[in-house]
Amino acid sequence: MTTPPRSERHPVRIVHLGLGAFHRAHQAWYTQRANERGGRAGEAGWGIAAFTGRSPEAARVLAAQDAVYTLIERGPDTDAAIIVDALSTVADGGDTARWRAAVADPAVAVLTLTVTEAGYRLSAAALDADRASLATGDGASTAPGRLVDGLRARRAAGVGAIAVVSCDNLPDNGRVARDAVLGLAQHVDAELAEWIESSVSFVSSMVDRITPATTDTDRATAARLTGYDDAAPVVTEPFSEWVLSGAFPAGRPAWETVGAQFVDDIEPYERRKLWLLNAGHSLLAYRGLLRGYATIAEAMGDDAIVADLEALWTEARTELPFDADTVDAAVAALRDRFGNARIEHRLAQIATDGSQKLGPRILDPLRSRLAAGRAPGDAQAGVLAAWALHLLGDDVRDPAAAPLAERLRAHPDDDASLATAVLTELAPDLAGDASLTDLIQSRIAHLRTGVTTEPPLPTGAH
């Protein structure tokens, strides 16, 4: 069989950093459909030059098939496949010369990024290394560093304004990206920082589409559905949502024609997604892994876990600025989405980098409850308890939490110490709240004794 064919190569007008499955299932898919709709009258299509964030492997695989891939929408009963060719080129993000040239291209109007939450929360050592590299004219290794490097090349080329669109699960992610870029640029070149402030807009966006890691079985499914040999298909759910807020000074695709929403205030939509979907994912991941489950759908088969999930959603309801019908509809959709057993969304994937994710997902709604005079949520505390026990395990994918995990393993059977250490690490402002610490401690003990329907979790167990 041949690889998926390209029907058209649109001129590159978008540069993307973070060539992962989610980008290909979401922003590239929206752009594909907007191109198919014809965009605005007299306007050429929008092609994407996509660069990898960490490993060059995704670019290598996609380049071998001309950056064309299959997108499989996996519903509860059937699969549907389309060929996506919105990516005009793909490249290793470490190719500094190619990255600079792409961002400096006067045809490029939008720079999007999906670098995960961890990509914005950088260590002092990483920032120092990028400052030193950028000061000498070399490339950068962090996402903010690469943005600064690319924007510096754009300024040097005398090219005009551009919009930077963050598509990661962070509240006000456009502001977060702006602060990270400007903070680094000011250390490198004060005039560059001034140019960025005047010429670059930072757009916030709320993104939502469950996109599990691709398996060999999925590659076989893509071949069966399309007749093509695709080494890099993407599997995703039928549901998708994209809400954006901010200016596009050089133009953008007509994403609104295919379902994207443009709003003045994105914060309520971010809260709804983070506190319902993402918080629910974290609960299912850490609780499910402790019970030996592998996927979201498997965890949804555990009545005790689902009861806590429903409680978590109830705790968030009072903090959301939407009417009851809107929240009811969102929760009903999530029940269906989480219960779709044909989407094998791996709990280990969701559990990655919990130290970066739990703040906006769990602690922010918990803080909102406390500020309103409400009691901390029992289910919210339960997620923190499950994460504490998760850190005692062998398969912890959270480099930023490594020092904390080491401290926890020094006294794995002391529930009070675990609760205090986790709260101090994630929310120092709440560490003095004895009632909250006691609640987390109680939930740790609850999880240890196996009050769920599965066999008990031994003290100190992985």
Protein backbone atom coordinates (compact mmCIF):
# COMPACT_ATOMS: atom_id res chain seq x y z
CA MET A 1 0.00 0.00 0.00
CA THR A 2 1.04 3.63 -0.51
CA THR A 3 1.06 6.35 2.11
CA PRO A 4 -1.90 8.77 2.40
CA PRO A 5 -1.97 11.14 -0.59
CA ARG A 6 -1.86 14.92 -0.47
CA SER A 7 -4.70 16.67 -2.27
CA GLU A 8 -3.23 20.16 -1.95
CA ARG A 9 -0.29 21.95 -0.34
CA HIS A 10 -1.43 25.26 1.09
CA PRO A 11 1.08 28.11 1.54
CA VAL A 12 2.57 28.17 5.02
CA ARG A 13 0.82 30.87 7.03
CA ILE A 14 0.90 29.19 10.46
CA VAL A 15 3.93 27.97 12.39
CA HIS A 16 3.32 25.43 15.15
CA LEU A 17 5.56 24.27 18.00
CA GLY A 18 4.76 20.89 19.56
CA LEU A 19 4.06 18.34 16.84
CA GLY A 20 2.10 15.86 18.91
CA ALA A 21 -1.10 13.91 18.46
CA PHE A 22 -3.26 16.57 20.08
CA HIS A 23 -2.20 19.31 17.69
CA ARG A 24 -2.93 17.03 14.75
CA ALA A 25 -6.35 16.09 16.16
CA HIS A 26 -7.31 19.65 17.06
CA GLN A 27 -5.75 22.80 15.58
CA ALA A 28 -4.57 21.09 12.37
CA TRP A 29 -8.00 19.43 12.01
CA TYR A 30 -9.82 22.75 12.48
CA THR A 31 -7.51 24.33 9.90
CA GLN A 32 -8.08 21.44 7.50
CA ARG A 33 -11.84 21.85 7.69
CA ALA A 34 -11.66 25.65 7.38
CA ASN A 35 -9.56 25.20 4.24
CA GLU A 36 -12.12 22.74 2.88
CA ARG A 37 -14.90 25.25 3.51
CA GLY A 38 -13.01 27.74 1.36
CA GLY A 39 -12.18 30.22 4.12
CA ARG A 40 -12.95 33.84 3.32
CA ALA A 41 -13.65 35.07 -0.19
CA GLY A 42 -10.50 35.49 -2.25
CA GLU A 43 -8.25 34.11 0.49
CA ALA A 44 -5.68 31.37 -0.04
CA GLY A 45 -5.71 28.34 2.22
CA TRP A 46 -3.69 28.15 5.41
CA GLY A 47 -0.81 25.68 5.56
CA ILE A 48 1.06 24.81 8.75
CA ALA A 49 4.81 24.43 9.25
CA ALA A 50 4.91 22.19 12.33
CA PHE A 51 7.98 21.72 14.53
CA THR A 52 8.54 19.12 17.22
CA GLY A 53 8.95 20.22 20.80
CA ARG A 54 11.10 17.55 22.45
CA SER A 55 11.96 14.60 20.24
CA PRO A 56 12.43 14.90 16.45
CA GLU A 57 10.84 11.46 15.91
CA ALA A 58 7.33 12.69 15.02
CA ALA A 59 8.77 14.92 12.30
CA ARG A 60 10.88 12.08 10.93
CA VAL A 61 7.91 9.72 10.65
CA LEU A 62 5.57 12.32 9.16
CA ALA A 63 8.15 13.66 6.72
CA ALA A 64 8.44 10.17 5.23
CA GLN A 65 4.77 10.44 4.18
CA ASP A 66 4.83 14.10 3.09
CA ALA A 67 3.29 15.27 6.40
CA VAL A 68 -0.08 13.72 5.48
CA TYR A 69 -1.84 11.52 8.03
CA THR A 70 -5.11 9.82 8.88
CA LEU A 71 -7.41 11.12 11.59
CA ILE A 72 -9.69 8.44 13.05
CA GLU A 73 -12.77 9.63 14.95
CA ARG A 74 -13.62 6.80 17.32
CA GLY A 75 -17.20 6.78 18.48
CA PRO A 76 -18.76 4.30 20.91
CA ASP A 77 -19.77 2.03 18.02
CA THR A 78 -17.82 2.83 14.85
CA ASP A 79 -14.71 4.51 13.45
CA ALA A 80 -14.58 7.16 10.73
CA ALA A 81 -11.38 8.22 8.99
CA ILE A 82 -10.33 11.32 7.04
CA ILE A 83 -7.03 12.26 5.41
CA VAL A 84 -5.49 15.47 6.81
CA ASP A 85 -2.98 17.48 4.79
CA ALA A 86 -3.11 20.81 6.65
CA LEU A 87 0.55 20.34 7.61
CA SER A 88 2.50 21.69 4.66
CA THR A 89 5.89 20.88 6.23
CA VAL A 90 7.21 19.21 9.38
CA ALA A 91 10.61 19.64 11.01
CA ASP A 92 12.71 18.98 14.09
CA GLY A 93 12.22 21.83 16.54
CA GLY A 94 15.94 21.69 17.19
CA ASP A 95 16.66 22.82 13.61
CA THR A 96 17.38 26.40 14.61
CA ALA A 97 17.92 27.80 11.13
CA ARG A 98 14.69 26.33 9.79
CA TRP A 99 12.73 27.49 12.84
CA ARG A 100 14.00 31.06 12.53
CA ALA A 101 13.25 31.16 8.81
CA ALA A 102 9.70 29.90 9.36
CA VAL A 103 8.83 32.46 12.05
CA ALA A 104 10.46 35.26 10.03
CA ASP A 105 8.46 34.43 6.89
CA PRO A 106 6.28 37.48 6.09
CA ALA A 107 3.47 35.16 4.94
CA VAL A 108 3.19 33.69 8.44
CA ALA A 109 0.49 35.34 10.56
CA VAL A 110 -0.07 32.89 13.42
CA LEU A 111 2.23 30.92 15.71
CA THR A 112 0.48 28.20 17.74
CA LEU A 113 1.92 25.97 20.42
CA THR A 114 1.07 22.78 22.30
CA VAL A 115 3.95 22.18 24.68
CA THR A 116 1.93 20.92 27.72
CA GLU A 117 1.70 22.69 31.06
CA ALA A 118 5.26 21.74 31.95
CA GLY A 119 6.59 23.66 28.95
CA TYR A 120 5.74 26.98 30.64
CA ARG A 121 7.02 26.13 34.12
CA LEU A 122 10.75 26.11 33.67
CA SER A 123 13.58 25.51 36.09
CA ALA A 124 16.08 28.26 36.81
CA ALA A 125 18.79 26.11 35.24
CA ALA A 126 16.84 25.77 31.97
CA LEU A 127 16.19 29.49 31.81
CA ASP A 128 19.81 30.32 32.57
CA ALA A 129 20.94 27.98 29.79
CA ASP A 130 18.58 29.62 27.30
CA ARG A 131 19.64 33.13 28.33
CA ALA A 132 23.25 32.19 27.74
CA SER A 133 22.52 30.53 24.39
CA LEU A 134 20.35 33.37 23.12
CA ALA A 135 22.88 35.96 24.23
CA THR A 136 25.50 34.37 22.00
CA GLY A 137 23.15 33.97 19.04
CA ASP A 138 22.69 30.25 19.48
CA GLY A 139 19.34 28.45 19.55
CA ALA A 140 17.25 27.63 22.60
CA SER A 141 15.93 24.42 24.12
CA THR A 142 12.80 25.58 25.99
CA ALA A 143 9.52 26.61 24.38
CA PRO A 144 9.75 30.26 25.55
CA GLY A 145 13.37 30.31 24.39
CA ARG A 146 12.43 29.09 20.94
CA LEU A 147 9.67 31.68 20.70
CA VAL A 148 12.11 34.44 21.65
CA ASP A 149 14.63 33.14 19.12
CA GLY A 150 12.05 32.98 16.33
CA LEU A 151 10.56 36.39 17.14
CA ARG A 152 14.06 37.90 17.21
CA ALA A 153 14.58 36.58 13.68
CA ARG A 154 11.22 38.03 12.62
CA ARG A 155 12.14 41.45 13.99
CA ALA A 156 15.55 41.33 12.31
CA ALA A 157 13.85 40.55 8.99
CA GLY A 158 11.66 43.64 9.33
CA VAL A 159 8.48 41.56 9.27
CA GLY A 160 5.29 42.81 10.88
CA ALA A 161 2.91 41.67 13.57
CA ILE A 162 2.02 38.09 14.47
CA ALA A 163 -0.34 36.32 16.87
CA VAL A 164 0.96 33.69 19.30
CA VAL A 165 -1.80 31.26 20.28
CA SER A 166 -1.31 28.97 23.26
CA CYS A 167 -3.32 25.74 23.08
CA ASP A 168 -2.31 24.17 26.40
CA ASN A 169 -4.36 23.39 29.50
CA LEU A 170 -3.48 26.47 31.52
CA PRO A 171 -5.77 29.25 32.70
CA ASP A 172 -5.18 32.44 30.70
CA ASN A 173 -2.54 30.57 28.72
CA GLY A 174 -1.97 33.52 26.40
CA ARG A 175 -0.88 35.67 29.33
CA VAL A 176 1.27 32.84 30.67
CA ALA A 177 2.99 32.54 27.30
CA ARG A 178 3.42 36.32 27.08
CA ASP A 179 4.97 36.54 30.56
CA ALA A 180 7.35 33.67 29.82
CA VAL A 181 8.45 35.13 26.48
CA LEU A 182 8.82 38.72 27.67
CA GLY A 183 10.57 37.66 30.86
CA LEU A 184 13.19 35.84 28.83
CA ALA A 185 13.42 38.48 26.09
CA GLN A 186 14.13 41.23 28.63
CA HIS A 187 17.19 39.33 29.76
CA VAL A 188 18.40 38.94 26.18
CA ASP A 189 17.61 42.27 24.49
CA ALA A 190 15.52 45.10 25.93
CA GLU A 191 14.70 46.45 22.45
CA LEU A 192 13.51 43.00 21.36
CA ALA A 193 11.23 42.88 24.39
CA GLU A 194 9.78 46.27 23.45
CA TRP A 195 9.18 45.07 19.88
CA ILE A 196 7.41 41.94 21.15
CA GLU A 197 5.18 44.06 23.38
CA SER A 198 4.16 46.27 20.45
CA SER A 199 4.06 43.75 17.58
CA VAL A 200 3.06 40.38 19.01
CA SER A 201 -0.39 39.53 20.35
CA PHE A 202 -0.79 36.60 22.73
CA VAL A 203 -4.12 34.84 22.29
CA SER A 204 -5.61 32.63 24.99
CA SER A 205 -7.53 29.54 23.97
CA MET A 206 -9.45 26.76 25.62
CA VAL A 207 -9.04 23.43 23.83
CA ASP A 208 -10.87 20.17 24.37
CA ARG A 209 -10.60 16.87 22.53
CA ILE A 210 -9.57 13.56 24.09
CA THR A 211 -6.68 12.18 22.05
CA PRO A 212 -5.11 8.96 23.32
CA ALA A 213 -1.71 7.72 22.25
CA THR A 214 -1.71 5.83 18.94
CA THR A 215 -1.16 2.07 18.98
CA ASP A 216 -0.18 -0.52 16.38
CA THR A 217 -3.82 -1.60 16.32
CA ASP A 218 -4.80 1.97 15.39
CA ARG A 219 -2.30 1.91 12.53
CA ALA A 220 -3.91 -1.28 11.27
CA THR A 221 -7.35 0.33 11.58
CA ALA A 222 -6.21 3.33 9.54
CA ALA A 223 -4.99 1.00 6.79
CA ARG A 224 -8.27 -0.91 6.80
CA LEU A 225 -10.41 2.23 6.64
CA THR A 226 -8.41 4.14 4.02
CA GLY A 227 -6.38 1.58 2.10
CA TYR A 228 -3.20 3.51 2.86
CA ASP A 229 -0.18 2.58 4.97
CA ASP A 230 0.01 5.32 7.60
CA ALA A 231 2.75 5.17 10.24
CA ALA A 232 1.38 8.22 12.07
CA PRO A 233 -2.41 8.15 12.32
CA VAL A 234 -4.18 10.01 15.12
CA VAL A 235 -7.14 8.59 17.04
CA THR A 236 -9.55 10.96 18.75
CA GLU A 237 -13.13 11.23 19.97
CA PRO A 238 -15.92 12.79 17.88
CA PHE A 239 -16.30 15.67 20.36
CA SER A 240 -14.19 18.81 20.02
CA GLU A 241 -14.25 22.37 21.36
CA TRP A 242 -12.06 25.43 20.80
CA VAL A 243 -12.68 28.84 22.38
CA LEU A 244 -10.29 31.72 21.65
CA SER A 245 -9.86 35.27 22.96
CA GLY A 246 -7.43 37.83 21.60
CA ALA A 247 -6.32 39.76 18.54
CA PHE A 248 -4.99 38.40 15.24
CA PRO A 249 -3.23 41.44 13.76
CA ALA A 250 -2.10 39.66 10.59
CA GLY A 251 -5.21 37.57 10.01
CA ARG A 252 -6.22 33.97 10.75
CA PRO A 253 -8.09 31.03 9.24
CA ALA A 254 -11.89 31.16 9.31
CA TRP A 255 -11.98 28.70 12.19
CA GLU A 256 -15.36 30.05 13.31
CA THR A 257 -16.93 28.49 10.21
CA VAL A 258 -16.13 25.02 11.56
CA GLY A 259 -17.14 25.46 15.18
CA ALA A 260 -14.46 27.51 16.95
CA GLN A 261 -15.80 30.27 19.22
CA PHE A 262 -14.27 33.73 19.61
CA VAL A 263 -15.15 35.43 22.90
CA ASP A 264 -14.18 38.54 24.85
CA ASP A 265 -13.73 36.70 28.15
CA ILE A 266 -12.34 33.18 28.00
CA GLU A 267 -11.91 32.64 31.73
CA PRO A 268 -15.34 31.06 32.42
CA TYR A 269 -14.83 28.53 29.61
CA GLU A 270 -11.36 27.67 30.91
CA ARG A 271 -12.70 27.10 34.40
CA ARG A 272 -15.51 24.89 33.14
CA LYS A 273 -13.11 22.69 31.20
CA LEU A 274 -10.33 22.55 33.80
CA TRP A 275 -12.63 21.96 36.77
CA LEU A 276 -14.92 19.41 35.11
CA LEU A 277 -13.05 17.52 32.37
CA ASN A 278 -9.42 17.92 33.42
CA ALA A 279 -10.10 17.57 37.13
CA GLY A 280 -12.17 14.47 36.37
CA HIS A 281 -9.32 13.06 34.33
CA SER A 282 -6.89 13.56 37.22
CA LEU A 283 -9.24 11.84 39.66
CA LEU A 284 -9.76 8.89 37.34
CA ALA A 285 -6.03 8.64 36.58
CA TYR A 286 -4.68 8.56 40.12
CA ARG A 287 -7.56 6.58 41.61
CA GLY A 288 -7.65 4.22 38.65
CA LEU A 289 -3.92 3.53 38.64
CA LEU A 290 -4.05 2.68 42.35
CA ARG A 291 -6.73 0.11 41.56
CA GLY A 292 -4.76 -1.39 38.67
CA TYR A 293 -6.83 0.04 35.81
CA ALA A 294 -5.21 1.16 32.55
CA THR A 295 -7.80 3.37 30.82
CA ILE A 296 -10.42 6.00 31.56
CA ALA A 297 -13.21 3.64 30.50
CA GLU A 298 -11.96 0.92 32.87
CA ALA A 299 -11.90 3.37 35.79
CA MET A 300 -15.44 4.44 34.85
CA GLY A 301 -16.53 0.86 35.52
CA ASP A 302 -15.64 1.20 39.22
CA ASP A 303 -18.71 2.40 41.14
CA ALA A 304 -16.71 3.86 44.04
CA ILE A 305 -14.46 5.87 41.72
CA VAL A 306 -17.46 7.13 39.74
CA ALA A 307 -19.17 8.18 42.98
CA ASP A 308 -16.12 10.30 43.81
CA LEU A 309 -16.11 11.68 40.27
CA GLU A 310 -19.73 12.79 40.62
CA ALA A 311 -18.86 14.34 43.98
CA LEU A 312 -15.96 16.20 42.41
CA TRP A 313 -18.27 17.65 39.77
CA THR A 314 -20.77 18.65 42.45
CA GLU A 315 -18.01 20.45 44.36
CA ALA A 316 -17.09 22.41 41.23
CA ARG A 317 -20.67 23.35 40.30
CA THR A 318 -21.00 26.11 42.87
CA GLU A 319 -17.79 27.73 41.60
CA LEU A 320 -18.69 27.93 37.91
CA PRO A 321 -20.31 31.07 36.39
CA PHE A 322 -22.82 29.10 34.29
CA ASP A 323 -26.47 28.28 34.86
CA ALA A 324 -27.45 24.82 36.05
CA ASP A 325 -28.65 23.66 32.62
CA THR A 326 -25.31 24.53 31.01
CA VAL A 327 -23.34 22.66 33.66
CA ASP A 328 -25.75 19.71 33.50
CA ALA A 329 -25.22 19.47 29.74
CA ALA A 330 -21.43 19.64 30.14
CA VAL A 331 -21.42 16.91 32.79
CA ALA A 332 -23.76 14.69 30.77
CA ALA A 333 -21.42 14.99 27.77
CA LEU A 334 -18.46 14.07 29.97
CA ARG A 335 -20.19 10.94 31.26
CA ASP A 336 -20.68 9.81 27.67
CA ARG A 337 -17.15 10.74 26.63
CA PHE A 338 -15.47 9.08 29.61
CA GLY A 339 -17.57 5.98 29.16
CA ASN A 340 -16.57 5.52 25.51
CA ALA A 341 -14.65 2.26 25.94
CA ARG A 342 -13.43 2.37 22.35
CA ILE A 343 -11.26 5.39 23.20
CA GLU A 344 -8.37 3.86 25.12
CA HIS A 345 -7.24 6.97 26.92
CA ARG A 346 -4.37 5.68 29.05
CA LEU A 347 -4.37 6.67 32.69
CA ALA A 348 -0.56 6.70 32.77
CA GLN A 349 -0.59 9.35 30.01
CA ILE A 350 -3.03 11.54 31.93
CA ALA A 351 -1.10 11.09 35.19
CA THR A 352 2.09 12.53 33.68
CA ASP A 353 3.35 15.79 35.25
CA GLY A 354 0.68 15.91 37.95
CA SER A 355 2.70 18.48 39.88
CA GLN A 356 2.01 20.93 37.02
CA LYS A 357 -1.60 19.93 36.40
CA LEU A 358 -3.17 19.65 39.84
CA GLY A 359 -2.93 23.37 40.64
CA PRO A 360 -5.34 24.63 37.98
CA ARG A 361 -7.46 21.47 37.99
CA ILE A 362 -7.96 20.75 41.69
CA LEU A 363 -6.46 23.44 43.89
CA ASP A 364 -7.97 26.46 42.14
CA PRO A 365 -11.59 25.26 42.54
CA LEU A 366 -10.72 24.23 46.09
CA ARG A 367 -9.43 27.75 46.79
CA SER A 368 -12.63 29.16 45.28
CA ARG A 369 -14.70 27.09 47.69
CA LEU A 370 -12.66 28.26 50.67
CA ALA A 371 -12.83 31.91 49.58
CA ALA A 372 -16.64 31.64 49.39
CA GLY A 373 -16.79 30.23 52.91
CA ARG A 374 -17.53 26.70 51.78
CA ALA A 375 -15.82 23.62 53.12
CA PRO A 376 -13.02 22.04 51.10
CA GLY A 377 -14.32 19.32 48.83
CA ASP A 378 -13.91 15.78 50.06
CA ALA A 379 -13.39 14.53 46.49
CA GLN A 380 -10.92 17.34 45.77
CA ALA A 381 -8.89 16.29 48.80
CA GLY A 382 -9.19 12.71 47.58
CA VAL A 383 -7.40 13.55 44.32
CA LEU A 384 -4.49 15.03 46.29
CA ALA A 385 -4.45 11.92 48.48
CA ALA A 386 -4.40 9.61 45.47
CA TRP A 387 -1.55 11.62 43.94
CA ALA A 388 0.44 11.28 47.16
CA LEU A 389 0.12 7.50 46.99
CA HIS A 390 0.86 7.56 43.26
CA LEU A 391 4.22 9.23 44.01
CA LEU A 392 5.18 6.19 46.08
CA GLY A 393 4.88 3.99 43.00
CA ASP A 394 7.45 2.82 40.49
CA ASP A 395 6.01 4.44 37.34
CA VAL A 396 5.95 8.16 38.20
CA ARG A 397 6.36 10.39 35.14
CA ASP A 398 6.77 13.75 36.80
CA PRO A 399 10.34 15.11 36.86
CA ALA A 400 9.32 18.22 38.80
CA ALA A 401 7.92 16.04 41.59
CA ALA A 402 11.03 13.83 41.91
CA PRO A 403 12.36 15.61 45.05
CA LEU A 404 8.92 15.39 46.68
CA ALA A 405 8.59 11.70 45.81
CA GLU A 406 11.98 11.07 47.41
CA ARG A 407 10.84 12.77 50.62
CA LEU A 408 7.57 10.82 50.67
CA ARG A 409 9.38 7.52 50.27
CA ALA A 410 11.39 8.27 53.39
CA HIS A 411 8.21 7.76 55.47
CA PRO A 412 5.66 6.04 53.18
CA ASP A 413 3.46 4.81 56.05
CA ASP A 414 3.00 8.19 57.77
CA ASP A 415 -0.28 9.51 56.38
CA ALA A 416 -0.01 12.84 58.20
CA SER A 417 3.46 13.50 56.79
CA LEU A 418 2.31 12.58 53.28
CA ALA A 419 -0.64 14.99 53.49
CA THR A 420 1.46 17.84 54.86
CA ALA A 421 4.24 17.37 52.32
CA VAL A 422 1.89 17.25 49.31
CA LEU A 423 -0.04 20.34 50.38
CA THR A 424 3.16 22.25 51.17
CA GLU A 425 4.57 21.36 47.76
CA LEU A 426 1.49 22.17 45.67
CA ALA A 427 -0.18 24.95 47.67
CA PRO A 428 2.03 26.62 50.30
CA ASP A 429 -0.74 29.19 50.83
CA LEU A 430 -3.03 26.40 52.07
CA ALA A 431 -0.44 24.43 54.03
CA GLY A 432 -1.48 26.07 57.29
CA ASP A 433 -5.10 24.94 56.94
CA ALA A 434 -5.24 22.14 59.50
CA SER A 435 -8.75 21.03 58.48
CA LEU A 436 -7.66 20.59 54.87
CA THR A 437 -4.51 18.72 55.84
CA ASP A 438 -6.58 16.46 58.09
CA LEU A 439 -9.03 15.83 55.25
CA ILE A 440 -6.24 14.81 52.86
CA GLN A 441 -4.78 12.57 55.56
CA SER A 442 -8.18 10.97 56.08
CA ARG A 443 -8.54 10.32 52.36
CA ILE A 444 -5.07 8.75 52.21
CA ALA A 445 -6.11 6.37 54.99
CA HIS A 446 -9.38 5.71 53.17
CA LEU A 447 -7.54 4.74 49.98
CA ARG A 448 -5.13 2.52 51.88
CA THR A 449 -7.86 0.51 53.53
CA GLY A 450 -9.53 -0.23 50.20
CA VAL A 451 -13.00 1.08 50.93
CA THR A 452 -13.63 0.68 47.17
CA THR A 453 -14.90 -2.58 45.72
CA GLU A 454 -11.39 -3.81 44.84
CA PRO A 455 -9.01 -5.61 47.24
CA PRO A 456 -7.40 -3.33 49.85
CA LEU A 457 -4.33 -1.31 48.95
CA PRO A 458 -1.56 -2.33 51.40
CA THR A 459 0.11 0.28 53.52
CA GLY A 460 3.04 1.75 51.61
CA ALA A 461 1.96 -0.07 48.45
CA HIS A 462 2.91 1.02 44.97
